[in-house]
Amino acid sequence: MSRQADPVHRDQDQALALTLAALLLTGTSLLDSCWIGPAATFTATAVLVVTSYAASGLARRLALQRALRRLLRDLPGA
């Protein structure tokens, strides 16, 4: 079984990615707070988090719609 197909490694990779993202977000927020102030930092950070959350949901929805169209197109008699 390959490393990418192994669910344990996939979970570990996702946990590592989440940890690195949290560290980068925290560090960037602290630096931005010093440079541009707390209100602008909060706004920029909130926009980044909401955008990344919405983009992942949108990507899943688009992939599902594409798969459904492909399935409906490949059905006999359709």
PDB file of N, CA and C in Angstrom:
ATOM      1  N   MET A   1       0.851  -1.176   0.000  1.00  0.00           N
ATOM      2  CA  MET A   1       0.000   0.000   0.000  1.00  0.00           C
ATOM      3  C   MET A   1       0.893   1.234   0.000  1.00  0.00           C
ATOM      4  N   SER A   2       0.566   2.194  -0.839  1.00  0.00           N
ATOM      5  CA  SER A   2       1.377   3.395  -0.922  1.00  0.00           C
ATOM      6  C   SER A   2       1.112   4.296   0.276  1.00  0.00           C
ATOM      7  N   ARG A   3       2.029   5.202   0.496  1.00  0.00           N
ATOM      8  CA  ARG A   3       1.909   6.115   1.636  1.00  0.00           C
ATOM      9  C   ARG A   3       0.674   6.995   1.505  1.00  0.00           C
ATOM     10  N   GLN A   4       0.352   7.437   0.298  1.00  0.00           N
ATOM     11  CA  GLN A   4      -0.779   8.338   0.124  1.00  0.00           C
ATOM     12  C   GLN A   4      -2.113   7.625   0.309  1.00  0.00           C
ATOM     13  N   ALA A   5      -2.154   6.328   0.049  1.00  0.00           N
ATOM     14  CA  ALA A   5      -3.405   5.590   0.191  1.00  0.00           C
ATOM     15  C   ALA A   5      -3.640   5.146   1.633  1.00  0.00           C
ATOM     16  N   ASP A   6      -2.621   5.233   2.469  1.00  0.00           N
ATOM     17  CA  ASP A   6      -2.719   4.799   3.853  1.00  0.00           C
ATOM     18  C   ASP A   6      -3.455   5.864   4.670  1.00  0.00           C
ATOM     19  N   PRO A   7      -4.611   5.509   5.266  1.00  0.00           N
ATOM     20  CA  PRO A   7      -5.397   6.515   6.009  1.00  0.00           C
ATOM     21  C   PRO A   7      -4.661   7.088   7.212  1.00  0.00           C
ATOM     22  N   VAL A   8      -3.800   6.294   7.855  1.00  0.00           N
ATOM     23  CA  VAL A   8      -3.073   6.791   9.025  1.00  0.00           C
ATOM     24  C   VAL A   8      -2.120   7.903   8.613  1.00  0.00           C
ATOM     25  N   HIS A   9      -1.388   7.686   7.515  1.00  0.00           N
ATOM     26  CA  HIS A   9      -0.464   8.718   7.049  1.00  0.00           C
ATOM     27  C   HIS A   9      -1.216   9.941   6.542  1.00  0.00           C
ATOM     28  N   ARG A  10      -2.356   9.720   5.902  1.00  0.00           N
ATOM     29  CA  ARG A  10      -3.144  10.848   5.416  1.00  0.00           C
ATOM     30  C   ARG A  10      -3.603  11.715   6.595  1.00  0.00           C
ATOM     31  N   ASP A  11      -4.051  11.075   7.668  1.00  0.00           N
ATOM     32  CA  ASP A  11      -4.474  11.822   8.854  1.00  0.00           C
ATOM     33  C   ASP A  11      -3.300  12.578   9.477  1.00  0.00           C
ATOM     34  N   GLN A  12      -2.127  11.930   9.514  1.00  0.00           N
ATOM     35  CA  GLN A  12      -0.951  12.592  10.056  1.00  0.00           C
ATOM     36  C   GLN A  12      -0.539  13.777   9.179  1.00  0.00           C
ATOM     37  N   ASP A  13      -0.616  13.596   7.869  1.00  0.00           N
ATOM     38  CA  ASP A  13      -0.281  14.686   6.951  1.00  0.00           C
ATOM     39  C   ASP A  13      -1.249  15.855   7.108  1.00  0.00           C
ATOM     40  N   GLN A  14      -2.532  15.553   7.284  1.00  0.00           N
ATOM     41  CA  GLN A  14      -3.517  16.617   7.478  1.00  0.00           C
ATOM     42  C   GLN A  14      -3.282  17.341   8.800  1.00  0.00           C
ATOM     43  N   ALA A  15      -2.936  16.601   9.838  1.00  0.00           N
ATOM     44  CA  ALA A  15      -2.652  17.216  11.138  1.00  0.00           C
ATOM     45  C   ALA A  15      -1.412  18.106  11.045  1.00  0.00           C
ATOM     46  N   LEU A  16      -0.393  17.649  10.333  1.00  0.00           N
ATOM     47  CA  LEU A  16       0.811  18.458  10.150  1.00  0.00           C
ATOM     48  C   LEU A  16       0.500  19.726   9.358  1.00  0.00           C
ATOM     49  N   ALA A  17      -0.287  19.587   8.301  1.00  0.00           N
ATOM     50  CA  ALA A  17      -0.656  20.758   7.498  1.00  0.00           C
ATOM     51  C   ALA A  17      -1.450  21.763   8.329  1.00  0.00           C
ATOM     52  N   LEU A  18      -2.364  21.285   9.141  1.00  0.00           N
ATOM     53  CA  LEU A  18      -3.153  22.171   9.999  1.00  0.00           C
ATOM     54  C   LEU A  18      -2.274  22.863  11.033  1.00  0.00           C
ATOM     55  N   THR A  19      -1.330  22.140  11.598  1.00  0.00           N
ATOM     56  CA  THR A  19      -0.414  22.719  12.584  1.00  0.00           C
ATOM     57  C   THR A  19       0.445  23.809  11.956  1.00  0.00           C
ATOM     58  N   LEU A  20       0.992  23.530  10.779  1.00  0.00           N
ATOM     59  CA  LEU A  20       1.810  24.532  10.093  1.00  0.00           C
ATOM     60  C   LEU A  20       0.986  25.755   9.713  1.00  0.00           C
ATOM     61  N   ALA A  21      -0.240  25.536   9.259  1.00  0.00           N
ATOM     62  CA  ALA A  21      -1.111  26.661   8.910  1.00  0.00           C
ATOM     63  C   ALA A  21      -1.408  27.512  10.140  1.00  0.00           C
ATOM     64  N   ALA A  22      -1.665  26.871  11.269  1.00  0.00           N
ATOM     65  CA  ALA A  22      -1.946  27.613  12.503  1.00  0.00           C
ATOM     66  C   ALA A  22      -0.726  28.411  12.952  1.00  0.00           C
ATOM     67  N   LEU A  23       0.456  27.811  12.838  1.00  0.00           N
ATOM     68  CA  LEU A  23       1.679  28.531  13.216  1.00  0.00           C
ATOM     69  C   LEU A  23       1.928  29.729  12.304  1.00  0.00           C
ATOM     70  N   LEU A  24       1.746  29.533  11.000  1.00  0.00           N
ATOM     71  CA  LEU A  24       1.927  30.639  10.061  1.00  0.00           C
ATOM     72  C   LEU A  24       0.915  31.756  10.303  1.00  0.00           C
ATOM     73  N   LEU A  25      -0.330  31.367  10.554  1.00  0.00           N
ATOM     74  CA  LEU A  25      -1.366  32.365  10.811  1.00  0.00           C
ATOM     75  C   LEU A  25      -1.077  33.143  12.091  1.00  0.00           C
ATOM     76  N   THR A  26      -0.629  32.434  13.124  1.00  0.00           N
ATOM     77  CA  THR A  26      -0.314  33.092  14.388  1.00  0.00           C
ATOM     78  C   THR A  26       0.863  34.051  14.231  1.00  0.00           C
ATOM     79  N   GLY A  27       1.921  33.586  13.595  1.00  0.00           N
ATOM     80  CA  GLY A  27       3.092  34.438  13.396  1.00  0.00           C
ATOM     81  C   GLY A  27       2.777  35.659  12.550  1.00  0.00           C
ATOM     82  N   THR A  28       2.042  35.447  11.480  1.00  0.00           N
ATOM     83  CA  THR A  28       1.665  36.562  10.610  1.00  0.00           C
ATOM     84  C   THR A  28       0.774  37.550  11.353  1.00  0.00           C
ATOM     85  N   SER A  29      -0.139  37.038  12.151  1.00  0.00           N
ATOM     86  CA  SER A  29      -1.022  37.928  12.918  1.00  0.00           C
ATOM     87  C   SER A  29      -0.240  38.766  13.919  1.00  0.00           C
ATOM     88  N   LEU A  30       0.730  38.157  14.573  1.00  0.00           N
ATOM     89  CA  LEU A  30       1.527  38.914  15.538  1.00  0.00           C
ATOM     90  C   LEU A  30       2.349  40.000  14.845  1.00  0.00           C
ATOM     91  N   LEU A  31       2.961  39.662  13.724  1.00  0.00           N
ATOM     92  CA  LEU A  31       3.736  40.671  12.989  1.00  0.00           C
ATOM     93  C   LEU A  31       2.834  41.782  12.451  1.00  0.00           C
ATOM     94  N   ASP A  32       1.703  41.389  11.878  1.00  0.00           N
ATOM     95  CA  ASP A  32       0.778  42.394  11.352  1.00  0.00           C
ATOM     96  C   ASP A  32       0.253  43.308  12.459  1.00  0.00           C
ATOM     97  N   SER A  33       0.028  42.756  13.631  1.00  0.00           N
ATOM     98  CA  SER A  33      -0.472  43.558  14.739  1.00  0.00           C
ATOM     99  C   SER A  33       0.529  44.646  15.102  1.00  0.00           C
ATOM    100  N   CYS A  34       1.801  44.310  15.031  1.00  0.00           N
ATOM    101  CA  CYS A  34       2.837  45.321  15.314  1.00  0.00           C
ATOM    102  C   CYS A  34       2.906  46.357  14.203  1.00  0.00           C
ATOM    103  N   TRP A  35       2.712  45.941  12.971  1.00  0.00           N
ATOM    104  CA  TRP A  35       2.915  46.822  11.832  1.00  0.00           C
ATOM    105  C   TRP A  35       1.698  47.684  11.506  1.00  0.00           C
ATOM    106  N   ILE A  36       0.490  47.078  11.509  1.00  0.00           N
ATOM    107  CA  ILE A  36      -0.675  47.828  11.036  1.00  0.00           C
ATOM    108  C   ILE A  36      -1.768  48.019  12.085  1.00  0.00           C
ATOM    109  N   GLY A  37      -1.571  47.478  13.261  1.00  0.00           N
ATOM    110  CA  GLY A  37      -2.547  47.674  14.330  1.00  0.00           C
ATOM    111  C   GLY A  37      -3.497  46.490  14.480  1.00  0.00           C
ATOM    112  N   PRO A  38      -4.096  46.384  15.645  1.00  0.00           N
ATOM    113  CA  PRO A  38      -4.933  45.213  15.950  1.00  0.00           C
ATOM    114  C   PRO A  38      -6.233  45.126  15.141  1.00  0.00           C
ATOM    115  N   ALA A  39      -6.873  46.250  14.867  1.00  0.00           N
ATOM    116  CA  ALA A  39      -8.146  46.189  14.135  1.00  0.00           C
ATOM    117  C   ALA A  39      -7.933  45.712  12.699  1.00  0.00           C
ATOM    118  N   ALA A  40      -6.942  46.269  12.035  1.00  0.00           N
ATOM    119  CA  ALA A  40      -6.657  45.850  10.659  1.00  0.00           C
ATOM    120  C   ALA A  40      -6.172  44.408  10.619  1.00  0.00           C
ATOM    121  N   THR A  41      -5.405  44.004  11.630  1.00  0.00           N
ATOM    122  CA  THR A  41      -4.922  42.624  11.699  1.00  0.00           C
ATOM    123  C   THR A  41      -6.089  41.664  11.864  1.00  0.00           C
ATOM    124  N   PHE A  42      -7.004  41.981  12.758  1.00  0.00           N
ATOM    125  CA  PHE A  42      -8.166  41.112  12.952  1.00  0.00           C
ATOM    126  C   PHE A  42      -8.966  40.997  11.659  1.00  0.00           C
ATOM    127  N   THR A  43      -9.181  42.113  10.999  1.00  0.00           N
ATOM    128  CA  THR A  43      -9.949  42.101   9.754  1.00  0.00           C
ATOM    129  C   THR A  43      -9.261  41.254   8.689  1.00  0.00           C
ATOM    130  N   ALA A  44      -7.969  41.452   8.512  1.00  0.00           N
ATOM    131  CA  ALA A  44      -7.229  40.698   7.497  1.00  0.00           C
ATOM    132  C   ALA A  44      -7.214  39.207   7.813  1.00  0.00           C
ATOM    133  N   THR A  45      -7.014  38.868   9.072  1.00  0.00           N
ATOM    134  CA  THR A  45      -6.981  37.464   9.476  1.00  0.00           C
ATOM    135  C   THR A  45      -8.354  36.814   9.319  1.00  0.00           C
ATOM    136  N   ALA A  46      -9.396  37.521   9.714  1.00  0.00           N
ATOM    137  CA  ALA A  46     -10.751  36.975   9.580  1.00  0.00           C
ATOM    138  C   ALA A  46     -11.108  36.750   8.113  1.00  0.00           C
ATOM    139  N   VAL A  47     -10.741  37.696   7.266  1.00  0.00           N
ATOM    140  CA  VAL A  47     -11.010  37.544   5.830  1.00  0.00           C
ATOM    141  C   VAL A  47     -10.259  36.341   5.277  1.00  0.00           C
ATOM    142  N   LEU A  48      -9.009  36.163   5.676  1.00  0.00           N
ATOM    143  CA  LEU A  48      -8.216  35.019   5.208  1.00  0.00           C
ATOM    144  C   LEU A  48      -8.836  33.691   5.636  1.00  0.00           C
ATOM    145  N   VAL A  49      -9.243  33.591   6.891  1.00  0.00           N
ATOM    146  CA  VAL A  49      -9.815  32.344   7.404  1.00  0.00           C
ATOM    147  C   VAL A  49     -11.153  32.048   6.727  1.00  0.00           C
ATOM    148  N   VAL A  50     -12.018  33.028   6.624  1.00  0.00           N
ATOM    149  CA  VAL A  50     -13.333  32.819   6.002  1.00  0.00           C
ATOM    150  C   VAL A  50     -13.180  32.470   4.519  1.00  0.00           C
ATOM    151  N   THR A  51     -12.260  33.140   3.835  1.00  0.00           N
ATOM    152  CA  THR A  51     -12.036  32.864   2.418  1.00  0.00           C
ATOM    153  C   THR A  51     -11.526  31.449   2.204  1.00  0.00           C
ATOM    154  N   SER A  52     -10.581  31.006   3.016  1.00  0.00           N
ATOM    155  CA  SER A  52     -10.057  29.650   2.852  1.00  0.00           C
ATOM    156  C   SER A  52     -11.127  28.607   3.169  1.00  0.00           C
ATOM    157  N   TYR A  53     -11.967  28.884   4.162  1.00  0.00           N
ATOM    158  CA  TYR A  53     -13.058  27.959   4.482  1.00  0.00           C
ATOM    159  C   TYR A  53     -14.065  27.896   3.332  1.00  0.00           C
ATOM    160  N   ALA A  54     -14.428  29.041   2.798  1.00  0.00           N
ATOM    161  CA  ALA A  54     -15.403  29.081   1.705  1.00  0.00           C
ATOM    162  C   ALA A  54     -14.829  28.468   0.437  1.00  0.00           C
ATOM    163  N   ALA A  55     -13.564  28.694   0.172  1.00  0.00           N
ATOM    164  CA  ALA A  55     -12.946  28.157  -1.047  1.00  0.00           C
ATOM    165  C   ALA A  55     -12.901  26.634  -1.023  1.00  0.00           C
ATOM    166  N   SER A  56     -12.622  26.045   0.137  1.00  0.00           N
ATOM    167  CA  SER A  56     -12.579  24.586   0.195  1.00  0.00           C
ATOM    168  C   SER A  56     -13.970  23.993  -0.009  1.00  0.00           C
ATOM    169  N   GLY A  57     -14.990  24.631   0.553  1.00  0.00           N
ATOM    170  CA  GLY A  57     -16.361  24.156   0.341  1.00  0.00           C
ATOM    171  C   GLY A  57     -16.794  24.312  -1.106  1.00  0.00           C
ATOM    172  N   LEU A  58     -16.403  25.421  -1.714  1.00  0.00           N
ATOM    173  CA  LEU A  58     -16.732  25.658  -3.118  1.00  0.00           C
ATOM    174  C   LEU A  58     -16.033  24.642  -4.016  1.00  0.00           C
ATOM    175  N   ALA A  59     -14.787  24.328  -3.723  1.00  0.00           N
ATOM    176  CA  ALA A  59     -14.052  23.350  -4.521  1.00  0.00           C
ATOM    177  C   ALA A  59     -14.711  21.976  -4.436  1.00  0.00           C
ATOM    178  N   ARG A  60     -15.152  21.579  -3.244  1.00  0.00           N
ATOM    179  CA  ARG A  60     -15.851  20.292  -3.091  1.00  0.00           C
ATOM    180  C   ARG A  60     -17.149  20.288  -3.876  1.00  0.00           C
ATOM    181  N   ARG A  61     -17.907  21.380  -3.788  1.00  0.00           N
ATOM    182  CA  ARG A  61     -19.187  21.456  -4.485  1.00  0.00           C
ATOM    183  C   ARG A  61     -18.992  21.386  -6.001  1.00  0.00           C
ATOM    184  N   LEU A  62     -17.995  22.106  -6.513  1.00  0.00           N
ATOM    185  CA  LEU A  62     -17.735  22.073  -7.949  1.00  0.00           C
ATOM    186  C   LEU A  62     -17.276  20.690  -8.416  1.00  0.00           C
ATOM    187  N   ALA A  63     -16.463  20.032  -7.614  1.00  0.00           N
ATOM    188  CA  ALA A  63     -16.013  18.679  -7.966  1.00  0.00           C
ATOM    189  C   ALA A  63     -17.194  17.711  -7.970  1.00  0.00           C
ATOM    190  N   LEU A  64     -18.092  17.849  -7.023  1.00  0.00           N
ATOM    191  CA  LEU A  64     -19.270  16.988  -6.966  1.00  0.00           C
ATOM    192  C   LEU A  64     -20.184  17.240  -8.158  1.00  0.00           C
ATOM    193  N   GLN A  65     -20.401  18.494  -8.519  1.00  0.00           N
ATOM    194  CA  GLN A  65     -21.243  18.807  -9.676  1.00  0.00           C
ATOM    195  C   GLN A  65     -20.631  18.254 -10.960  1.00  0.00           C
ATOM    196  N   ARG A  66     -19.322  18.370 -11.105  1.00  0.00           N
ATOM    197  CA  ARG A  66     -18.652  17.867 -12.297  1.00  0.00           C
ATOM    198  C   ARG A  66     -18.776  16.344 -12.382  1.00  0.00           C
ATOM    199  N   ALA A  67     -18.593  15.660 -11.251  1.00  0.00           N
ATOM    200  CA  ALA A  67     -18.722  14.206 -11.239  1.00  0.00           C
ATOM    201  C   ALA A  67     -20.154  13.782 -11.554  1.00  0.00           C
ATOM    202  N   LEU A  68     -21.126  14.512 -11.027  1.00  0.00           N
ATOM    203  CA  LEU A  68     -22.524  14.187 -11.290  1.00  0.00           C
ATOM    204  C   LEU A  68     -22.876  14.404 -12.762  1.00  0.00           C
ATOM    205  N   ARG A  69     -22.418  15.510 -13.347  1.00  0.00           N
ATOM    206  CA  ARG A  69     -22.652  15.731 -14.790  1.00  0.00           C
ATOM    207  C   ARG A  69     -22.018  14.638 -15.630  1.00  0.00           C
ATOM    208  N   ARG A  70     -20.806  14.241 -15.270  1.00  0.00           N
ATOM    209  CA  ARG A  70     -20.118  13.180 -16.013  1.00  0.00           C
ATOM    210  C   ARG A  70     -20.878  11.858 -15.890  1.00  0.00           C
ATOM    211  N   LEU A  71     -21.366  11.565 -14.693  1.00  0.00           N
ATOM    212  CA  LEU A  71     -22.128  10.333 -14.496  1.00  0.00           C
ATOM    213  C   LEU A  71     -23.412  10.350 -15.286  1.00  0.00           C
ATOM    214  N   LEU A  72     -24.141  11.470 -15.263  1.00  0.00           N
ATOM    215  CA  LEU A  72     -25.392  11.572 -16.010  1.00  0.00           C
ATOM    216  C   LEU A  72     -25.155  11.513 -17.513  1.00  0.00           C
ATOM    217  N   ARG A  73     -24.054  12.077 -17.976  1.00  0.00           N
ATOM    218  CA  ARG A  73     -23.733  12.056 -19.390  1.00  0.00           C
ATOM    219  C   ARG A  73     -23.383  10.642 -19.857  1.00  0.00           C
ATOM    220  N   ASP A  74     -22.756   9.855 -18.986  1.00  0.00           N
ATOM    221  CA  ASP A  74     -22.326   8.506 -19.345  1.00  0.00           C
ATOM    222  C   ASP A  74     -23.421   7.448 -19.187  1.00  0.00           C
ATOM    223  N   LEU A  75     -24.542   7.815 -18.611  1.00  0.00           N
ATOM    224  CA  LEU A  75     -25.628   6.842 -18.452  1.00  0.00           C
ATOM    225  C   LEU A  75     -26.224   6.514 -19.823  1.00  0.00           C
ATOM    226  N   PRO A  76     -26.516   5.233 -20.070  1.00  0.00           N
ATOM    227  CA  PRO A  76     -27.122   4.886 -21.346  1.00  0.00           C
ATOM    228  C   PRO A  76     -28.551   5.447 -21.450  1.00  0.00           C
ATOM    229  N   GLY A  77     -28.896   5.938 -22.633  1.00  0.00           N
ATOM    230  CA  GLY A  77     -30.239   6.469 -22.860  1.00  0.00           C
ATOM    231  C   GLY A  77     -30.412   7.898 -22.377  1.00  0.00           C
ATOM    232  N   ALA A  78     -29.351   8.514 -21.933  1.00  0.00           N
ATOM    233  CA  ALA A  78     -29.473   9.892 -21.437  1.00  0.00           C
ATOM    234  C   ALA A  78     -29.121  10.899 -22.490  1.00  0.00           C
TER     235      ALA A  78
END
